[in-house]
Amino acid sequence: MKYQEIKAFMARNKCKVFITLIGLIAAVLMLSIGFFRTLLILLLTGVGFFYGSLIDKHGFGGANRVIADFFKSLFSRK
């Protein structure tokens, strides 16, 4: 395969390639460091992604306010 063919394949199948790489990384992590440590890494990565997207959308102070409001509504008595 030539570089241009590989590039064209990647352009046509972005999601397939991305998800396959995520699965490969998760499998290597599970085999090397264990299931629960891998779950912790994935959980913390997801929380970081979510918090980063809130900062992008609302700014730093707004993201903290959104999270605070969520926990207030979660633990408030009605």
N, C-alpha and C. Protein backbone atom coordinates (compact mmCIF):
# COMPACT_ATOMS: atom_id res chain seq x y z
N MET A 1 0.83 -1.18 0.00
CA MET A 1 0.00 0.00 0.00
C MET A 1 0.87 1.25 0.00
N LYS A 2 0.47 2.18 -0.79
CA LYS A 2 1.16 3.45 -0.83
C LYS A 2 0.59 4.38 0.24
N TYR A 3 1.35 5.40 0.56
CA TYR A 3 0.94 6.37 1.56
C TYR A 3 -0.39 7.02 1.18
N GLN A 4 -0.57 7.36 -0.07
CA GLN A 4 -1.81 8.02 -0.51
C GLN A 4 -3.02 7.09 -0.34
N GLU A 5 -2.83 5.80 -0.57
CA GLU A 5 -3.93 4.84 -0.39
C GLU A 5 -4.30 4.72 1.08
N ILE A 6 -3.28 4.69 1.93
CA ILE A 6 -3.54 4.62 3.37
C ILE A 6 -4.25 5.89 3.84
N LYS A 7 -3.80 7.04 3.36
CA LYS A 7 -4.42 8.31 3.72
C LYS A 7 -5.88 8.36 3.26
N ALA A 8 -6.15 7.87 2.06
CA ALA A 8 -7.52 7.85 1.55
C ALA A 8 -8.40 6.90 2.37
N PHE A 9 -7.84 5.74 2.74
CA PHE A 9 -8.58 4.79 3.58
C PHE A 9 -8.92 5.41 4.92
N MET A 10 -7.95 6.10 5.53
CA MET A 10 -8.17 6.74 6.83
C MET A 10 -9.23 7.83 6.71
N ALA A 11 -9.22 8.57 5.61
CA ALA A 11 -10.21 9.64 5.42
C ALA A 11 -11.62 9.06 5.27
N ARG A 12 -11.75 7.92 4.61
CA ARG A 12 -13.06 7.29 4.42
C ARG A 12 -13.57 6.62 5.68
N ASN A 13 -12.66 6.15 6.53
CA ASN A 13 -13.04 5.34 7.69
C ASN A 13 -12.51 5.92 9.00
N LYS A 14 -12.70 7.22 9.22
CA LYS A 14 -12.15 7.87 10.41
C LYS A 14 -12.64 7.23 11.70
N CYS A 15 -13.93 7.04 11.81
CA CYS A 15 -14.50 6.50 13.06
C CYS A 15 -14.05 5.07 13.30
N LYS A 16 -14.03 4.26 12.26
CA LYS A 16 -13.59 2.87 12.42
C LYS A 16 -12.16 2.81 12.92
N VAL A 17 -11.30 3.62 12.34
CA VAL A 17 -9.90 3.62 12.73
C VAL A 17 -9.75 4.13 14.16
N PHE A 18 -10.45 5.21 14.50
CA PHE A 18 -10.36 5.80 15.83
C PHE A 18 -10.84 4.84 16.90
N ILE A 19 -12.00 4.24 16.70
CA ILE A 19 -12.55 3.32 17.69
C ILE A 19 -11.69 2.07 17.80
N THR A 20 -11.14 1.61 16.70
CA THR A 20 -10.25 0.45 16.74
C THR A 20 -9.00 0.77 17.56
N LEU A 21 -8.44 1.96 17.38
CA LEU A 21 -7.27 2.35 18.16
C LEU A 21 -7.60 2.47 19.64
N ILE A 22 -8.76 3.01 19.96
CA ILE A 22 -9.20 3.09 21.36
C ILE A 22 -9.32 1.70 21.96
N GLY A 23 -9.91 0.77 21.21
CA GLY A 23 -10.03 -0.61 21.68
C GLY A 23 -8.68 -1.27 21.87
N LEU A 24 -7.76 -1.02 20.97
CA LEU A 24 -6.42 -1.59 21.08
C LEU A 24 -5.70 -1.04 22.31
N ILE A 25 -5.80 0.26 22.53
CA ILE A 25 -5.16 0.86 23.71
C ILE A 25 -5.78 0.32 24.99
N ALA A 26 -7.11 0.19 25.03
CA ALA A 26 -7.77 -0.35 26.21
C ALA A 26 -7.35 -1.80 26.46
N ALA A 27 -7.23 -2.60 25.40
CA ALA A 27 -6.82 -3.99 25.56
C ALA A 27 -5.39 -4.09 26.09
N VAL A 28 -4.51 -3.27 25.57
CA VAL A 28 -3.12 -3.30 26.04
C VAL A 28 -3.05 -2.86 27.49
N LEU A 29 -3.82 -1.83 27.85
CA LEU A 29 -3.84 -1.39 29.24
C LEU A 29 -4.38 -2.48 30.16
N MET A 30 -5.46 -3.14 29.75
CA MET A 30 -6.03 -4.19 30.59
C MET A 30 -5.06 -5.35 30.79
N LEU A 31 -4.34 -5.70 29.75
CA LEU A 31 -3.39 -6.79 29.87
C LEU A 31 -2.15 -6.40 30.66
N SER A 32 -1.77 -5.14 30.60
CA SER A 32 -0.53 -4.75 31.27
C SER A 32 -0.75 -4.26 32.71
N ILE A 33 -1.81 -3.48 32.98
CA ILE A 33 -1.97 -2.95 34.33
C ILE A 33 -3.21 -3.49 35.04
N GLY A 34 -4.07 -4.19 34.36
CA GLY A 34 -5.24 -4.78 35.01
C GLY A 34 -6.53 -4.06 34.66
N PHE A 35 -7.63 -4.75 34.93
CA PHE A 35 -8.96 -4.29 34.55
C PHE A 35 -9.38 -3.03 35.31
N PHE A 36 -9.26 -3.06 36.65
CA PHE A 36 -9.78 -1.95 37.45
C PHE A 36 -8.93 -0.70 37.31
N ARG A 37 -7.63 -0.84 37.15
CA ARG A 37 -6.79 0.33 36.91
C ARG A 37 -7.12 0.95 35.55
N THR A 38 -7.40 0.09 34.57
CA THR A 38 -7.79 0.59 33.26
C THR A 38 -9.12 1.33 33.34
N LEU A 39 -10.07 0.77 34.09
CA LEU A 39 -11.36 1.46 34.27
C LEU A 39 -11.16 2.82 34.94
N LEU A 40 -10.27 2.89 35.93
CA LEU A 40 -10.00 4.16 36.60
C LEU A 40 -9.42 5.17 35.61
N ILE A 41 -8.49 4.75 34.78
CA ILE A 41 -7.91 5.65 33.78
C ILE A 41 -8.99 6.14 32.82
N LEU A 42 -9.84 5.23 32.34
CA LEU A 42 -10.90 5.62 31.42
C LEU A 42 -11.91 6.56 32.08
N LEU A 43 -12.24 6.30 33.33
CA LEU A 43 -13.18 7.16 34.07
C LEU A 43 -12.60 8.55 34.25
N LEU A 44 -11.35 8.65 34.70
CA LEU A 44 -10.74 9.96 34.91
C LEU A 44 -10.54 10.71 33.60
N THR A 45 -10.25 9.98 32.54
CA THR A 45 -10.13 10.62 31.22
C THR A 45 -11.48 11.18 30.78
N GLY A 46 -12.55 10.42 31.01
CA GLY A 46 -13.89 10.89 30.67
C GLY A 46 -14.29 12.11 31.48
N VAL A 47 -13.98 12.11 32.77
CA VAL A 47 -14.29 13.26 33.62
C VAL A 47 -13.50 14.48 33.14
N GLY A 48 -12.23 14.29 32.81
CA GLY A 48 -11.42 15.39 32.30
C GLY A 48 -11.95 15.94 30.99
N PHE A 49 -12.39 15.06 30.11
CA PHE A 49 -12.97 15.49 28.83
C PHE A 49 -14.24 16.28 29.06
N PHE A 50 -15.10 15.79 29.96
CA PHE A 50 -16.36 16.47 30.26
C PHE A 50 -16.10 17.86 30.86
N TYR A 51 -15.17 17.94 31.82
CA TYR A 51 -14.84 19.21 32.45
C TYR A 51 -14.22 20.18 31.43
N GLY A 52 -13.36 19.67 30.58
CA GLY A 52 -12.77 20.50 29.54
C GLY A 52 -13.80 21.04 28.57
N SER A 53 -14.79 20.22 28.23
CA SER A 53 -15.85 20.70 27.33
C SER A 53 -16.72 21.75 28.02
N LEU A 54 -16.92 21.61 29.33
CA LEU A 54 -17.66 22.65 30.06
C LEU A 54 -16.88 23.95 30.09
N ILE A 55 -15.56 23.88 30.28
CA ILE A 55 -14.74 25.08 30.27
C ILE A 55 -14.78 25.74 28.90
N ASP A 56 -14.72 24.93 27.83
CA ASP A 56 -14.80 25.49 26.48
C ASP A 56 -16.13 26.20 26.24
N LYS A 57 -17.19 25.65 26.79
CA LYS A 57 -18.52 26.19 26.53
C LYS A 57 -18.86 27.38 27.43
N HIS A 58 -18.50 27.30 28.73
CA HIS A 58 -18.94 28.30 29.70
C HIS A 58 -17.82 29.14 30.29
N GLY A 59 -16.58 28.83 30.00
CA GLY A 59 -15.47 29.49 30.67
C GLY A 59 -15.20 28.79 31.99
N PHE A 60 -14.06 29.12 32.62
CA PHE A 60 -13.67 28.40 33.84
C PHE A 60 -14.66 28.59 34.97
N GLY A 61 -15.02 29.85 35.26
CA GLY A 61 -15.96 30.12 36.35
C GLY A 61 -17.35 29.55 36.06
N GLY A 62 -17.77 29.63 34.81
CA GLY A 62 -19.07 29.09 34.43
C GLY A 62 -19.13 27.58 34.55
N ALA A 63 -18.03 26.92 34.22
CA ALA A 63 -17.99 25.45 34.34
C ALA A 63 -18.10 25.04 35.80
N ASN A 64 -17.39 25.76 36.67
CA ASN A 64 -17.48 25.44 38.10
C ASN A 64 -18.90 25.69 38.62
N ARG A 65 -19.53 26.74 38.13
CA ARG A 65 -20.90 27.05 38.54
C ARG A 65 -21.87 25.96 38.07
N VAL A 66 -21.70 25.47 36.84
CA VAL A 66 -22.55 24.40 36.32
C VAL A 66 -22.41 23.15 37.16
N ILE A 67 -21.18 22.80 37.53
CA ILE A 67 -20.95 21.60 38.34
C ILE A 67 -21.53 21.79 39.74
N ALA A 68 -21.33 22.96 40.33
CA ALA A 68 -21.89 23.23 41.66
C ALA A 68 -23.41 23.16 41.64
N ASP A 69 -24.04 23.74 40.62
CA ASP A 69 -25.50 23.68 40.51
C ASP A 69 -25.99 22.25 40.34
N PHE A 70 -25.24 21.45 39.59
CA PHE A 70 -25.63 20.05 39.42
C PHE A 70 -25.62 19.31 40.75
N PHE A 71 -24.56 19.48 41.53
CA PHE A 71 -24.49 18.78 42.82
C PHE A 71 -25.50 19.32 43.82
N LYS A 72 -25.78 20.64 43.76
CA LYS A 72 -26.82 21.19 44.65
C LYS A 72 -28.18 20.59 44.32
N SER A 73 -28.48 20.46 43.03
CA SER A 73 -29.77 19.88 42.66
C SER A 73 -29.80 18.38 42.95
N LEU A 74 -28.66 17.73 42.88
CA LEU A 74 -28.59 16.29 43.13
C LEU A 74 -28.84 15.97 44.61
N PHE A 75 -28.31 16.82 45.49
CA PHE A 75 -28.38 16.54 46.92
C PHE A 75 -29.38 17.41 47.67
N SER A 76 -30.19 18.17 46.98
CA SER A 76 -31.18 19.01 47.66
C SER A 76 -32.43 18.18 47.98
N ARG A 77 -33.02 18.53 49.09
CA ARG A 77 -34.28 17.85 49.47
C ARG A 77 -35.43 18.62 48.85
N LYS A 78 -36.38 17.87 48.38
CA LYS A 78 -37.54 18.50 47.73
C LYS A 78 -38.78 18.24 48.50
